């Protein structure tokens, strides 16, 4: 009788140990699933934030180029937003929509140009560059990258200048709107009004 009780006790211990092992395995699986779900949730939230915010931001004042008393070109300084990687601004990866008093242009963008090839960084020098004029025939907006490495990706430490050689001049109190949309993230929208007083020639800050 004692022997039988001993055997029953061992069997019960084995069953108990089996239950403990199974419970531990299930707990491990549940923990892993929880960590996996948490990681996926973080990734989804991160992607959502990236799509909701622009990868670009305005880096200073928007400048208007004035010739014979009216604005014939506008330049928007750009940089990569904090926390973002480089932004590919190739002509097939980015679009620039422009709204002027004379009309709406769905995509006025014609690509990236290397600022190191220019004589200087003056806006007047850029808009009179024959190389850019010859290459930018499909639109009137283009990005000039300064301090770059020669590619079409705007990166941290590089300065971008979106130049628009307007198809129709702007006069005092005229408003315009520019929407810069890279391949990732939300579009960057810039809206400005031409000031009441303009010089005959030169440059004016639009803020």
N, C-alpha and C. Protein backbone atom coordinates (compact mmCIF):
# COMPACT_ATOMS: atom_id res chain seq x y z
N UNK A 1 0.84 -1.20 0.00
CA UNK A 1 0.00 0.00 0.00
C UNK A 1 0.86 1.24 0.00
N UNK A 2 1.90 1.28 0.76
CA UNK A 2 2.81 2.42 0.78
C UNK A 2 3.47 2.61 -0.57
N UNK A 3 3.81 1.50 -1.21
CA UNK A 3 4.46 1.57 -2.52
C UNK A 3 3.56 2.23 -3.52
N UNK A 4 2.27 1.87 -3.51
CA UNK A 4 1.31 2.46 -4.45
C UNK A 4 1.17 3.95 -4.22
N UNK A 5 1.13 4.33 -2.96
CA UNK A 5 1.02 5.76 -2.65
C UNK A 5 2.23 6.53 -3.16
N UNK A 6 3.43 5.90 -3.05
CA UNK A 6 4.64 6.53 -3.54
C UNK A 6 4.59 6.75 -5.03
N UNK A 7 4.10 5.73 -5.73
CA UNK A 7 3.99 5.84 -7.18
C UNK A 7 3.01 6.94 -7.58
N UNK A 8 1.88 6.98 -6.91
CA UNK A 8 0.88 8.02 -7.18
C UNK A 8 1.45 9.40 -6.93
N UNK A 9 2.25 9.53 -5.89
CA UNK A 9 2.88 10.83 -5.58
C UNK A 9 3.83 11.27 -6.66
N UNK A 10 4.60 10.31 -7.19
CA UNK A 10 5.55 10.63 -8.28
C UNK A 10 4.79 11.03 -9.53
N UNK A 11 3.73 10.30 -9.85
CA UNK A 11 2.91 10.62 -11.03
C UNK A 11 2.31 12.02 -10.91
N UNK A 12 1.85 12.34 -9.72
CA UNK A 12 1.27 13.68 -9.52
C UNK A 12 2.33 14.76 -9.70
N UNK A 13 3.54 14.47 -9.20
CA UNK A 13 4.62 15.44 -9.36
C UNK A 13 4.98 15.65 -10.83
N UNK A 14 5.01 14.52 -11.58
CA UNK A 14 5.31 14.62 -13.02
C UNK A 14 4.25 15.44 -13.74
N UNK A 15 2.98 15.18 -13.41
CA UNK A 15 1.90 15.94 -14.04
C UNK A 15 2.00 17.42 -13.70
N UNK A 16 2.32 17.69 -12.44
CA UNK A 16 2.45 19.08 -12.00
C UNK A 16 3.58 19.79 -12.75
N UNK A 17 4.72 19.08 -12.87
CA UNK A 17 5.86 19.66 -13.59
C UNK A 17 5.49 19.92 -15.05
N UNK A 18 4.75 18.98 -15.66
CA UNK A 18 4.31 19.14 -17.05
C UNK A 18 3.44 20.38 -17.19
N UNK A 19 2.51 20.55 -16.23
CA UNK A 19 1.66 21.74 -16.25
C UNK A 19 2.49 23.01 -16.16
N UNK A 20 3.48 23.00 -15.28
CA UNK A 20 4.34 24.18 -15.11
C UNK A 20 5.10 24.50 -16.40
N UNK A 21 5.63 23.46 -17.05
CA UNK A 21 6.37 23.65 -18.30
C UNK A 21 5.46 24.21 -19.39
N UNK A 22 4.27 23.62 -19.50
CA UNK A 22 3.31 24.10 -20.52
C UNK A 22 2.92 25.55 -20.25
N UNK A 23 2.66 25.86 -18.98
CA UNK A 23 2.28 27.22 -18.61
C UNK A 23 3.40 28.21 -18.92
N UNK A 24 4.65 27.81 -18.64
CA UNK A 24 5.79 28.67 -18.93
C UNK A 24 5.94 28.89 -20.43
N UNK A 25 5.74 27.82 -21.21
CA UNK A 25 5.83 27.94 -22.67
C UNK A 25 4.75 28.87 -23.20
N UNK A 26 3.54 28.71 -22.70
CA UNK A 26 2.44 29.58 -23.13
C UNK A 26 2.71 31.03 -22.75
N UNK A 27 3.26 31.24 -21.55
CA UNK A 27 3.58 32.60 -21.11
C UNK A 27 4.66 33.22 -22.00
N UNK A 28 5.64 32.40 -22.39
CA UNK A 28 6.71 32.88 -23.27
C UNK A 28 6.15 33.29 -24.63
N UNK A 29 5.26 32.44 -25.18
CA UNK A 29 4.63 32.75 -26.47
C UNK A 29 3.80 34.03 -26.37
N UNK A 30 3.02 34.13 -25.29
CA UNK A 30 2.19 35.32 -25.10
C UNK A 30 3.03 36.58 -24.96
N UNK A 31 4.14 36.49 -24.25
CA UNK A 31 5.04 37.64 -24.08
C UNK A 31 5.64 38.05 -25.42
N UNK A 32 6.09 37.05 -26.19
CA UNK A 32 6.66 37.35 -27.50
C UNK A 32 5.64 38.01 -28.43
N UNK A 33 4.42 37.49 -28.40
CA UNK A 33 3.35 38.06 -29.22
C UNK A 33 3.05 39.49 -28.80
N UNK A 34 3.09 39.72 -27.50
CA UNK A 34 2.84 41.08 -27.00
C UNK A 34 3.92 42.05 -27.44
N UNK A 35 5.18 41.61 -27.34
CA UNK A 35 6.29 42.46 -27.77
C UNK A 35 6.24 42.72 -29.27
N UNK A 36 5.89 41.68 -30.05
CA UNK A 36 5.78 41.82 -31.50
C UNK A 36 4.68 42.81 -31.86
N UNK A 37 3.53 42.69 -31.19
CA UNK A 37 2.42 43.60 -31.46
C UNK A 37 2.79 45.03 -31.10
N UNK A 38 3.47 45.20 -29.96
CA UNK A 38 3.89 46.54 -29.54
C UNK A 38 4.84 47.16 -30.56
N UNK A 39 5.80 46.36 -31.05
CA UNK A 39 6.77 46.85 -32.03
C UNK A 39 6.06 47.24 -33.32
N UNK A 40 5.13 46.41 -33.77
CA UNK A 40 4.39 46.71 -34.99
C UNK A 40 3.56 47.98 -34.83
N UNK A 41 2.97 48.15 -33.65
CA UNK A 41 2.18 49.35 -33.38
C UNK A 41 3.04 50.60 -33.44
N UNK A 42 4.26 50.50 -32.88
CA UNK A 42 5.19 51.62 -32.92
C UNK A 42 5.58 51.96 -34.37
N UNK A 43 5.80 50.91 -35.18
CA UNK A 43 6.18 51.12 -36.57
C UNK A 43 5.05 51.79 -37.35
N UNK A 44 3.83 51.34 -37.10
CA UNK A 44 2.66 51.94 -37.77
C UNK A 44 2.50 53.40 -37.37
N UNK A 45 2.65 53.68 -36.08
CA UNK A 45 2.54 55.06 -35.60
C UNK A 45 3.63 55.94 -36.19
N UNK A 46 4.86 55.39 -36.28
CA UNK A 46 5.97 56.15 -36.85
C UNK A 46 5.71 56.47 -38.32
N UNK A 47 5.22 55.47 -39.06
CA UNK A 47 4.91 55.71 -40.47
C UNK A 47 3.80 56.74 -40.61
N UNK A 48 2.82 56.67 -39.72
CA UNK A 48 1.74 57.65 -39.77
C UNK A 48 2.22 59.06 -39.52
N UNK A 49 3.12 59.21 -38.53
CA UNK A 49 3.68 60.53 -38.24
C UNK A 49 4.51 61.04 -39.41
N UNK A 50 5.27 60.15 -40.05
CA UNK A 50 6.09 60.56 -41.18
C UNK A 50 5.23 61.03 -42.35
N UNK A 51 4.11 60.35 -42.57
CA UNK A 51 3.23 60.74 -43.67
C UNK A 51 2.45 62.01 -43.35
N UNK A 52 2.24 62.28 -42.05
CA UNK A 52 1.45 63.44 -41.66
C UNK A 52 2.27 64.72 -41.60
N UNK A 53 3.59 64.60 -41.54
CA UNK A 53 4.45 65.78 -41.45
C UNK A 53 5.35 65.86 -42.68
N UNK A 54 5.74 67.08 -43.01
CA UNK A 54 6.57 67.27 -44.19
C UNK A 54 8.03 66.96 -43.89
N UNK A 55 8.70 66.38 -44.88
CA UNK A 55 10.13 66.09 -44.75
C UNK A 55 10.98 67.33 -45.03
N UNK A 56 10.32 68.40 -45.49
CA UNK A 56 11.02 69.65 -45.81
C UNK A 56 10.46 70.79 -44.98
N UNK A 57 11.27 71.82 -44.77
CA UNK A 57 10.79 73.03 -44.13
C UNK A 57 11.50 74.25 -44.72
N UNK A 58 10.84 75.39 -44.60
CA UNK A 58 11.40 76.63 -45.12
C UNK A 58 12.56 77.06 -44.23
N UNK A 59 13.68 77.40 -44.85
CA UNK A 59 14.90 77.71 -44.13
C UNK A 59 15.26 79.18 -44.31
N UNK A 60 14.42 80.06 -43.78
CA UNK A 60 14.68 81.49 -43.90
C UNK A 60 13.56 82.21 -44.64
N UNK A 61 13.88 83.35 -45.20
CA UNK A 61 12.88 84.19 -45.86
C UNK A 61 12.72 83.82 -47.34
N UNK A 62 11.49 83.88 -47.80
CA UNK A 62 11.21 83.73 -49.23
C UNK A 62 11.60 85.04 -49.92
N UNK A 63 12.30 84.93 -51.04
CA UNK A 63 12.83 86.11 -51.73
C UNK A 63 12.17 86.27 -53.09
N UNK A 64 11.80 87.50 -53.41
CA UNK A 64 11.25 87.83 -54.72
C UNK A 64 12.27 88.64 -55.51
N UNK A 65 12.44 88.28 -56.76
CA UNK A 65 13.33 89.03 -57.66
C UNK A 65 12.48 90.02 -58.47
N UNK A 66 12.86 91.29 -58.40
CA UNK A 66 12.07 92.34 -59.05
C UNK A 66 12.83 92.88 -60.26
N UNK A 67 12.12 92.99 -61.38
CA UNK A 67 12.68 93.57 -62.59
C UNK A 67 11.64 94.51 -63.21
N UNK A 68 12.05 95.73 -63.45
CA UNK A 68 11.17 96.79 -64.00
C UNK A 68 9.87 96.92 -63.22
N UNK A 69 9.98 96.86 -61.91
CA UNK A 69 8.85 97.16 -61.04
C UNK A 69 7.90 96.02 -60.74
N UNK A 70 8.15 94.80 -61.23
CA UNK A 70 7.29 93.66 -60.93
C UNK A 70 8.13 92.41 -60.66
N UNK A 71 7.53 91.45 -60.00
CA UNK A 71 8.26 90.23 -59.60
C UNK A 71 8.24 89.22 -60.74
N UNK A 72 9.44 88.83 -61.17
CA UNK A 72 9.52 87.84 -62.25
C UNK A 72 10.06 86.49 -61.78
N UNK A 73 10.51 86.40 -60.52
CA UNK A 73 11.00 85.12 -59.98
C UNK A 73 10.87 85.13 -58.46
N UNK A 74 10.70 83.95 -57.90
CA UNK A 74 10.57 83.77 -56.45
C UNK A 74 11.46 82.60 -56.04
N UNK A 75 12.13 82.75 -54.90
CA UNK A 75 13.00 81.69 -54.39
C UNK A 75 12.60 81.32 -52.96
N UNK A 76 12.44 80.01 -52.71
CA UNK A 76 12.07 79.50 -51.39
C UNK A 76 13.24 78.67 -50.85
N UNK A 77 13.91 79.11 -49.77
CA UNK A 77 15.01 78.32 -49.19
C UNK A 77 14.46 77.12 -48.44
N UNK A 78 15.07 75.96 -48.66
CA UNK A 78 14.57 74.72 -48.07
C UNK A 78 15.68 73.96 -47.35
N UNK A 79 15.27 73.18 -46.36
CA UNK A 79 16.17 72.24 -45.70
C UNK A 79 15.37 71.03 -45.25
N UNK A 80 16.09 69.97 -44.90
CA UNK A 80 15.45 68.75 -44.42
C UNK A 80 14.96 68.95 -42.99
N UNK A 81 13.76 68.52 -42.71
CA UNK A 81 13.19 68.67 -41.37
C UNK A 81 13.97 67.81 -40.36
N UNK A 82 14.06 68.27 -39.10
CA UNK A 82 14.75 67.49 -38.07
C UNK A 82 14.14 66.09 -37.92
N UNK A 83 15.00 65.11 -37.75
CA UNK A 83 14.53 63.75 -37.59
C UNK A 83 14.25 63.01 -38.88
N UNK A 84 14.43 63.69 -40.00
CA UNK A 84 14.20 63.05 -41.31
C UNK A 84 15.52 62.75 -41.99
N UNK A 85 15.47 61.76 -42.88
CA UNK A 85 16.63 61.43 -43.67
C UNK A 85 16.65 62.33 -44.90
N UNK A 86 17.59 62.10 -45.81
CA UNK A 86 17.65 62.88 -47.03
C UNK A 86 16.38 62.75 -47.85
N UNK A 87 16.05 63.80 -48.58
CA UNK A 87 14.82 63.84 -49.38
C UNK A 87 15.21 63.83 -50.86
N UNK A 88 14.75 62.82 -51.57
CA UNK A 88 15.03 62.71 -53.00
C UNK A 88 14.16 63.70 -53.75
N UNK A 89 14.82 64.68 -54.41
CA UNK A 89 14.10 65.72 -55.13
C UNK A 89 14.26 65.58 -56.64
N UNK A 90 14.51 64.36 -57.10
CA UNK A 90 14.58 64.11 -58.53
C UNK A 90 13.26 64.49 -59.18
N UNK A 91 13.31 64.81 -60.47
CA UNK A 91 12.11 65.27 -61.16
C UNK A 91 11.01 64.20 -61.20
N UNK A 92 11.39 62.93 -61.11
CA UNK A 92 10.39 61.86 -61.11
C UNK A 92 9.97 61.43 -59.71
N UNK A 93 10.53 62.10 -58.68
CA UNK A 93 10.21 61.75 -57.30
C UNK A 93 9.48 62.88 -56.56
N UNK A 94 9.52 64.09 -57.09
CA UNK A 94 8.91 65.24 -56.41
C UNK A 94 8.06 66.04 -57.40
N UNK A 95 7.09 66.75 -56.88
CA UNK A 95 6.26 67.63 -57.70
C UNK A 95 6.13 68.99 -57.02
N UNK A 96 5.94 70.01 -57.83
CA UNK A 96 5.74 71.37 -57.31
C UNK A 96 4.51 71.96 -58.00
N UNK A 97 3.49 72.20 -57.20
CA UNK A 97 2.26 72.81 -57.71
C UNK A 97 2.29 74.30 -57.38
N UNK A 98 1.90 75.11 -58.34
CA UNK A 98 1.97 76.56 -58.16
C UNK A 98 0.64 77.20 -58.55
N UNK A 99 0.15 78.05 -57.66
CA UNK A 99 -1.06 78.81 -57.96
C UNK A 99 -0.71 80.29 -58.02
N UNK A 100 -0.96 80.88 -59.19
CA UNK A 100 -0.70 82.30 -59.43
C UNK A 100 -2.00 82.98 -59.82
N UNK A 101 -2.04 84.31 -59.76
CA UNK A 101 -3.24 84.99 -60.22
C UNK A 101 -3.56 84.68 -61.68
N UNK A 102 -2.53 84.35 -62.46
CA UNK A 102 -2.73 84.06 -63.89
C UNK A 102 -3.19 82.64 -64.16
N UNK A 103 -3.10 81.75 -63.15
CA UNK A 103 -3.53 80.38 -63.36
C UNK A 103 -2.89 79.40 -62.41
N UNK A 104 -3.33 78.13 -62.50
CA UNK A 104 -2.85 77.06 -61.64
C UNK A 104 -2.00 76.10 -62.47
N UNK A 105 -0.83 75.72 -61.92
CA UNK A 105 0.09 74.83 -62.60
C UNK A 105 0.24 73.56 -61.77
N UNK A 106 -0.23 72.46 -62.30
CA UNK A 106 -0.28 71.20 -61.57
C UNK A 106 1.11 70.70 -61.20
N UNK A 107 2.05 70.78 -62.13
CA UNK A 107 3.42 70.38 -61.82
C UNK A 107 4.38 71.23 -62.64
N UNK A 108 4.98 72.22 -61.98
CA UNK A 108 5.88 73.15 -62.66
C UNK A 108 7.35 72.76 -62.46
N UNK A 109 7.59 71.59 -61.86
CA UNK A 109 8.94 71.21 -61.44
C UNK A 109 9.73 70.58 -62.59
N UNK A 110 11.01 70.97 -62.70
CA UNK A 110 11.85 70.40 -63.77
C UNK A 110 13.21 69.92 -63.26
N UNK A 111 13.35 69.65 -61.96
CA UNK A 111 14.54 68.96 -61.49
C UNK A 111 15.50 69.73 -60.61
N UNK A 112 16.67 69.11 -60.40
CA UNK A 112 17.69 69.60 -59.47
C UNK A 112 18.93 70.05 -60.24
N UNK A 113 19.54 71.14 -59.75
CA UNK A 113 20.78 71.64 -60.33
C UNK A 113 21.80 71.86 -59.23
N UNK A 114 23.06 71.64 -59.57
CA UNK A 114 24.16 71.73 -58.62
C UNK A 114 24.61 73.19 -58.49
N UNK A 115 24.49 73.74 -57.28
CA UNK A 115 24.85 75.13 -57.04
C UNK A 115 26.33 75.42 -57.18
N UNK A 116 27.17 74.36 -57.09
CA UNK A 116 28.61 74.58 -57.18
C UNK A 116 29.05 74.98 -58.59
N UNK A 117 28.20 74.78 -59.57
CA UNK A 117 28.55 75.14 -60.95
C UNK A 117 28.26 76.61 -61.26
N UNK A 118 27.59 77.30 -60.34
CA UNK A 118 27.23 78.71 -60.56
C UNK A 118 28.35 79.63 -60.13
N UNK A 119 28.37 80.81 -60.73
CA UNK A 119 29.40 81.80 -60.38
C UNK A 119 29.25 82.26 -58.94
N UNK A 120 28.01 82.43 -58.48
CA UNK A 120 27.72 82.79 -57.09
C UNK A 120 26.29 82.37 -56.78
N UNK A 121 25.85 82.64 -55.54
CA UNK A 121 24.53 82.18 -55.11
C UNK A 121 23.46 83.26 -55.20
N UNK A 122 23.75 84.37 -55.87
CA UNK A 122 22.74 85.42 -56.02
C UNK A 122 21.57 84.91 -56.85
N UNK A 123 20.38 85.35 -56.50
CA UNK A 123 19.19 84.93 -57.24
C UNK A 123 19.26 85.41 -58.69
N UNK A 124 19.78 86.60 -58.90
CA UNK A 124 19.89 87.13 -60.26
C UNK A 124 20.84 86.27 -61.10
N UNK A 125 21.90 85.75 -60.49
CA UNK A 125 22.83 84.86 -61.20
C UNK A 125 22.15 83.56 -61.57
N UNK A 126 21.36 83.03 -60.64
CA UNK A 126 20.70 81.74 -60.88
C UNK A 126 19.71 81.84 -62.03
N UNK A 127 18.85 82.86 -62.01
CA UNK A 127 17.80 82.93 -63.02
C UNK A 127 18.33 83.33 -64.40
N UNK A 128 19.55 83.82 -64.45
CA UNK A 128 20.15 84.16 -65.74
C UNK A 128 21.15 83.11 -66.23
N UNK A 129 21.22 81.98 -65.52
CA UNK A 129 22.15 80.92 -65.91
C UNK A 129 21.62 80.21 -67.15
N UNK A 130 22.40 80.21 -68.21
CA UNK A 130 21.95 79.64 -69.49
C UNK A 130 21.83 78.11 -69.43
N UNK A 131 22.67 77.47 -68.61
CA UNK A 131 22.59 76.01 -68.49
C UNK A 131 21.26 75.58 -67.89
N UNK A 132 20.85 76.28 -66.84
CA UNK A 132 19.56 75.97 -66.21
C UNK A 132 18.42 76.29 -67.16
N UNK A 133 18.49 77.43 -67.81
CA UNK A 133 17.42 77.81 -68.75
C UNK A 133 17.27 76.79 -69.87
N UNK A 134 18.40 76.27 -70.33
CA UNK A 134 18.34 75.29 -71.41
C UNK A 134 17.81 73.94 -70.98
N UNK A 135 18.06 73.59 -69.72
CA UNK A 135 17.62 72.27 -69.22
C UNK A 135 16.21 72.28 -68.67
N UNK A 136 15.79 73.40 -68.12
CA UNK A 136 14.46 73.49 -67.50
C UNK A 136 13.45 74.00 -68.52
N UNK A 137 13.00 73.11 -69.37
CA UNK A 137 12.03 73.50 -70.41
C UNK A 137 10.64 72.94 -70.15
N UNK A 138 10.56 71.90 -69.29
CA UNK A 138 9.26 71.28 -69.03
C UNK A 138 8.46 72.02 -67.96
N UNK A 139 9.09 72.97 -67.27
CA UNK A 139 8.42 73.72 -66.22
C UNK A 139 9.16 75.00 -65.95
N UNK A 140 8.87 75.62 -64.80
CA UNK A 140 9.57 76.87 -64.46
C UNK A 140 10.07 76.88 -63.02
N UNK A 141 9.96 75.74 -62.32
CA UNK A 141 10.45 75.64 -60.94
C UNK A 141 11.54 74.59 -60.87
N UNK A 142 12.62 74.89 -60.17
CA UNK A 142 13.72 73.94 -60.04
C UNK A 142 14.43 74.17 -58.71
N UNK A 143 15.12 73.12 -58.25
CA UNK A 143 15.82 73.18 -56.97
C UNK A 143 17.32 73.28 -57.22
N UNK A 144 17.95 74.30 -56.63
CA UNK A 144 19.40 74.43 -56.67
C UNK A 144 19.93 74.02 -55.29
N UNK A 145 20.86 73.05 -55.27
CA UNK A 145 21.42 72.56 -54.01
C UNK A 145 22.83 73.10 -53.83
N UNK A 146 23.05 73.78 -52.71
CA UNK A 146 24.37 74.30 -52.36
C UNK A 146 24.98 73.42 -51.26
N UNK A 147 26.30 73.37 -51.22
CA UNK A 147 27.03 72.52 -50.26
C UNK A 147 26.65 71.06 -50.41
N UNK A 148 26.30 70.66 -51.62
CA UNK A 148 25.87 69.30 -51.86
C UNK A 148 26.99 68.40 -52.36
N UNK A 149 26.60 67.15 -52.65
CA UNK A 149 27.58 66.17 -53.13
C UNK A 149 27.32 65.79 -54.59
N UNK A 150 26.52 66.59 -55.25
CA UNK A 150 26.31 66.37 -56.68
C UNK A 150 25.13 65.51 -57.05
N UNK A 151 24.40 64.96 -56.06
CA UNK A 151 23.24 64.14 -56.39
C UNK A 151 21.95 64.95 -56.24
N UNK A 152 20.82 64.29 -56.42
CA UNK A 152 19.52 64.97 -56.37
C UNK A 152 18.84 64.84 -55.02
N UNK A 153 19.57 64.36 -54.02
CA UNK A 153 19.00 64.18 -52.68
C UNK A 153 19.41 65.35 -51.80
N UNK A 154 18.43 66.04 -51.25
CA UNK A 154 18.70 67.12 -50.30
C UNK A 154 18.92 66.51 -48.93
N UNK A 155 20.11 66.72 -48.37
CA UNK A 155 20.48 66.08 -47.12
C UNK A 155 20.77 67.12 -46.05
N UNK A 156 20.92 66.65 -44.80
CA UNK A 156 21.26 67.54 -43.70
C UNK A 156 22.61 68.20 -43.97
N UNK A 157 22.68 69.50 -43.73
CA UNK A 157 23.91 70.24 -44.00
C UNK A 157 23.93 70.88 -45.38
N UNK A 158 23.02 70.44 -46.24
CA UNK A 158 22.92 71.04 -47.58
C UNK A 158 21.83 72.10 -47.59
N UNK A 159 21.98 73.08 -48.46
CA UNK A 159 21.00 74.16 -48.59
C UNK A 159 20.30 74.06 -49.94
N UNK A 160 19.00 74.03 -49.90
CA UNK A 160 18.23 73.98 -51.13
C UNK A 160 17.54 75.30 -51.39
N UNK A 161 17.47 75.69 -52.65
CA UNK A 161 16.77 76.92 -53.03
C UNK A 161 15.84 76.58 -54.19
N UNK A 162 14.55 76.56 -53.89
CA UNK A 162 13.55 76.31 -54.93
C UNK A 162 13.29 77.62 -55.67
N UNK A 163 13.69 77.67 -56.91
CA UNK A 163 13.56 78.89 -57.71
C UNK A 163 12.42 78.71 -58.71
N UNK A 164 11.58 79.73 -58.81
CA UNK A 164 10.48 79.72 -59.77
C UNK A 164 10.60 80.95 -60.67
N UNK A 165 10.93 80.71 -61.92
CA UNK A 165 10.95 81.79 -62.90
C UNK A 165 9.54 81.90 -63.48
N UNK A 166 8.79 82.83 -62.97
CA UNK A 166 7.35 82.87 -63.18
C UNK A 166 6.97 83.08 -64.64
N UNK A 167 5.93 82.37 -65.08
CA UNK A 167 5.45 82.56 -66.46
C UNK A 167 4.71 83.88 -66.65
N UNK A 168 4.26 84.47 -65.55
CA UNK A 168 3.59 85.77 -65.59
C UNK A 168 4.02 86.56 -64.35
N UNK A 169 4.37 87.82 -64.54
CA UNK A 169 4.88 88.64 -63.43
C UNK A 169 3.82 88.87 -62.37
N UNK A 170 4.30 89.08 -61.14
CA UNK A 170 3.43 89.42 -60.02
C UNK A 170 3.60 90.88 -59.66
N UNK A 171 2.51 91.51 -59.29
CA UNK A 171 2.53 92.92 -58.91
C UNK A 171 2.11 93.08 -57.45
N UNK A 172 2.15 94.29 -56.98
CA UNK A 172 1.81 94.56 -55.58
C UNK A 172 0.45 93.98 -55.22
N UNK A 173 0.38 93.38 -54.04
CA UNK A 173 -0.81 92.75 -53.46
C UNK A 173 -1.21 91.43 -54.12
N UNK A 174 -0.48 91.01 -55.13
CA UNK A 174 -0.76 89.68 -55.71
C UNK A 174 -0.36 88.60 -54.72
N UNK A 175 -1.11 87.52 -54.70
CA UNK A 175 -0.81 86.40 -53.83
C UNK A 175 -0.44 85.18 -54.68
N UNK A 176 0.42 84.33 -54.12
CA UNK A 176 0.76 83.08 -54.79
C UNK A 176 0.89 81.98 -53.75
N UNK A 177 0.76 80.75 -54.23
CA UNK A 177 0.82 79.58 -53.35
C UNK A 177 1.64 78.50 -54.03
N UNK A 178 2.56 77.91 -53.27
CA UNK A 178 3.43 76.86 -53.78
C UNK A 178 3.28 75.62 -52.89
N UNK A 179 3.09 74.47 -53.52
CA UNK A 179 2.99 73.21 -52.78
C UNK A 179 4.10 72.28 -53.25
N UNK A 180 5.03 71.99 -52.35
CA UNK A 180 6.18 71.14 -52.67
C UNK A 180 5.91 69.77 -52.07
N UNK A 181 5.82 68.77 -52.94
CA UNK A 181 5.45 67.43 -52.47
C UNK A 181 6.54 66.41 -52.84
N UNK A 182 7.38 66.02 -51.86
CA UNK A 182 8.35 64.96 -52.11
C UNK A 182 7.67 63.60 -52.12
N UNK A 183 8.45 62.55 -52.39
CA UNK A 183 7.87 61.22 -52.52
C UNK A 183 7.35 60.69 -51.18
N UNK A 184 7.91 61.17 -50.07
CA UNK A 184 7.46 60.73 -48.75
C UNK A 184 7.08 61.94 -47.90
N UNK A 185 6.11 61.74 -47.03
CA UNK A 185 5.69 62.80 -46.14
C UNK A 185 4.65 63.72 -46.76
N UNK A 186 4.14 64.61 -45.93
CA UNK A 186 3.13 65.57 -46.39
C UNK A 186 3.77 66.67 -47.22
N UNK A 187 2.94 67.34 -48.00
CA UNK A 187 3.44 68.44 -48.83
C UNK A 187 3.76 69.66 -47.96
N UNK A 188 4.74 70.42 -48.39
CA UNK A 188 5.08 71.69 -47.75
C UNK A 188 4.41 72.80 -48.56
N UNK A 189 3.57 73.58 -47.90
CA UNK A 189 2.84 74.65 -48.58
C UNK A 189 3.38 76.00 -48.15
N UNK A 190 3.65 76.85 -49.14
CA UNK A 190 4.17 78.20 -48.90
C UNK A 190 3.24 79.20 -49.58
N UNK A 191 2.74 80.15 -48.81
CA UNK A 191 1.86 81.18 -49.35
C UNK A 191 2.41 82.56 -48.98
N UNK A 192 2.43 83.46 -49.93
CA UNK A 192 2.93 84.80 -49.68
C UNK A 192 2.14 85.82 -50.50
N UNK A 193 2.25 87.09 -50.06
CA UNK A 193 1.66 88.22 -50.80
C UNK A 193 2.77 89.19 -51.15
N UNK A 194 2.71 89.73 -52.36
CA UNK A 194 3.69 90.71 -52.80
C UNK A 194 3.43 92.03 -52.08
N UNK A 195 4.46 92.64 -51.50
CA UNK A 195 4.25 93.89 -50.74
C UNK A 195 3.78 95.05 -51.62
N UNK A 196 3.26 96.07 -50.95
CA UNK A 196 2.70 97.22 -51.67
C UNK A 196 3.76 97.99 -52.43
N UNK A 197 4.93 98.12 -51.83
CA UNK A 197 5.99 98.91 -52.45
C UNK A 197 7.09 98.00 -52.99
N UNK A 198 7.41 98.15 -54.26
CA UNK A 198 8.45 97.35 -54.89
C UNK A 198 9.49 98.27 -55.52
N UNK A 199 10.75 97.89 -55.45
CA UNK A 199 11.78 98.68 -56.14
C UNK A 199 11.68 98.47 -57.65
N UNK A 200 12.37 99.29 -58.39
CA UNK A 200 12.38 99.10 -59.84
C UNK A 200 13.08 97.80 -60.21
N UNK A 201 14.20 97.55 -59.55
CA UNK A 201 14.96 96.32 -59.74
C UNK A 201 15.58 95.91 -58.41
N UNK A 202 15.85 94.59 -58.26
CA UNK A 202 16.49 94.12 -57.03
C UNK A 202 15.78 92.93 -56.43
N UNK A 203 15.91 92.78 -55.12
CA UNK A 203 15.31 91.65 -54.41
C UNK A 203 14.54 92.16 -53.20
N UNK A 204 13.45 91.45 -52.88
CA UNK A 204 12.59 91.83 -51.77
C UNK A 204 12.30 90.59 -50.93
N UNK A 205 12.40 90.73 -49.61
CA UNK A 205 12.06 89.64 -48.72
C UNK A 205 10.55 89.58 -48.53
N UNK A 206 9.99 88.39 -48.67
CA UNK A 206 8.55 88.20 -48.47
C UNK A 206 8.25 87.55 -47.12
N UNK A 207 9.30 87.39 -46.30
CA UNK A 207 9.11 86.81 -44.98
C UNK A 207 9.08 85.30 -44.98
